[in-house]
Amino acid sequence: MDESLSTKEMAWVLGRSPGSVLRMIRSGEIEGVRIAAGFRIPKAEALRVARERVEAERGRSLSDRELGRAIDEVISTNEERVR
């Protein structure tokens, strides 16, 4: 997992659109860092949001390592589909 995710990558993790992620950043629901090309979501924030989603949907906890691997897998799978 990189040090930060794009709004597109975070959208893949959440199963939402990049526009939804952008709205979540603007509303303060997700922490995003403004860059010239848009926003990046720090790794720690991506892990926090993913952890909340997993716990809410599946009722179980995962370690940062497990979450990082799951995020990497989601991003990799979606990148392959885009190609």
Protein backbone atom coordinates (compact mmCIF):
# COMPACT_ATOMS: atom_id res chain seq x y z
CA MET A 1 0.00 0.00 0.00
CA ASP A 2 1.36 3.41 -0.97
CA GLU A 3 1.66 6.23 1.55
CA SER A 4 -1.54 7.73 0.15
CA LEU A 5 -4.43 6.81 -2.14
CA SER A 6 -6.08 8.77 -4.91
CA THR A 7 -9.80 9.50 -4.71
CA LYS A 8 -10.25 6.86 -7.44
CA GLU A 9 -8.40 4.22 -5.41
CA MET A 10 -10.31 5.13 -2.25
CA ALA A 11 -13.55 4.87 -4.22
CA TRP A 12 -12.61 1.31 -5.21
CA VAL A 13 -11.92 0.45 -1.56
CA LEU A 14 -15.30 1.85 -0.46
CA GLY A 15 -17.28 0.64 -3.46
CA ARG A 16 -18.29 4.22 -4.20
CA SER A 17 -17.59 6.72 -6.97
CA PRO A 18 -14.62 9.13 -6.91
CA GLY A 19 -17.19 11.95 -6.72
CA SER A 20 -18.63 10.42 -3.55
CA VAL A 21 -15.17 10.24 -2.03
CA LEU A 22 -14.58 13.87 -2.93
CA ARG A 23 -17.85 14.84 -1.22
CA MET A 24 -16.83 12.80 1.83
CA ILE A 25 -13.52 14.70 1.97
CA ARG A 26 -15.23 18.07 1.62
CA SER A 27 -17.74 17.20 4.36
CA GLY A 28 -14.94 16.11 6.71
CA GLU A 29 -15.98 12.46 6.77
CA ILE A 30 -12.63 11.46 5.23
CA GLU A 31 -9.35 13.32 5.69
CA GLY A 32 -7.82 14.29 2.37
CA VAL A 33 -4.71 16.26 1.50
CA ARG A 34 -5.09 18.83 -1.28
CA ILE A 35 -2.57 18.54 -4.11
CA ALA A 36 -2.40 20.28 -7.48
CA ALA A 37 -4.22 17.40 -9.22
CA GLY A 38 -6.95 17.01 -6.58
CA PHE A 39 -6.77 15.15 -3.27
CA ARG A 40 -4.83 12.25 -1.76
CA ILE A 41 -5.99 10.19 1.21
CA PRO A 42 -3.19 9.38 3.69
CA LYS A 43 -2.51 5.69 4.35
CA ALA A 44 -3.55 5.98 8.00
CA GLU A 45 -6.87 7.52 6.99
CA ALA A 46 -7.49 4.84 4.36
CA LEU A 47 -6.86 2.17 7.01
CA ARG A 48 -9.22 3.91 9.47
CA VAL A 49 -12.04 4.16 6.96
CA ALA A 50 -11.52 0.59 5.72
CA ARG A 51 -11.48 -0.70 9.31
CA GLU A 52 -14.76 1.05 10.10
CA ARG A 53 -16.34 -0.39 6.96
CA VAL A 54 -15.17 -3.95 7.65
CA GLU A 55 -16.28 -3.81 11.28
CA ALA A 56 -19.69 -2.38 10.37
CA GLU A 57 -20.34 -4.81 7.52
CA ARG A 58 -18.72 -7.97 8.81
CA GLY A 59 -18.57 -7.49 12.56
CA ARG A 60 -14.90 -8.37 12.83
CA SER A 61 -11.58 -6.61 13.27
CA LEU A 62 -8.55 -6.84 11.01
CA SER A 63 -4.95 -5.82 11.68
CA ASP A 64 -3.36 -2.96 9.74
CA ARG A 65 -1.38 -5.54 7.80
CA GLU A 66 -4.51 -7.48 6.81
CA LEU A 67 -6.33 -4.28 5.88
CA GLY A 68 -3.34 -3.06 3.86
CA ARG A 69 -3.26 -6.32 1.93
CA ALA A 70 -7.00 -6.18 1.30
CA ILE A 71 -6.73 -2.58 0.06
CA ASP A 72 -3.81 -3.49 -2.21
CA GLU A 73 -5.82 -6.40 -3.62
CA VAL A 74 -8.87 -4.22 -4.35
CA ILE A 75 -6.71 -1.59 -6.07
CA SER A 76 -4.78 -4.18 -8.07
CA THR A 77 -7.96 -5.94 -9.21
CA ASN A 78 -9.56 -2.68 -10.32
CA GLU A 79 -6.40 -1.49 -12.10
CA GLU A 80 -6.40 -4.74 -14.10
CA ARG A 81 -10.05 -4.19 -15.08
CA VAL A 82 -9.30 -0.66 -16.26
CA ARG A 83 -6.51 -1.85 -18.59
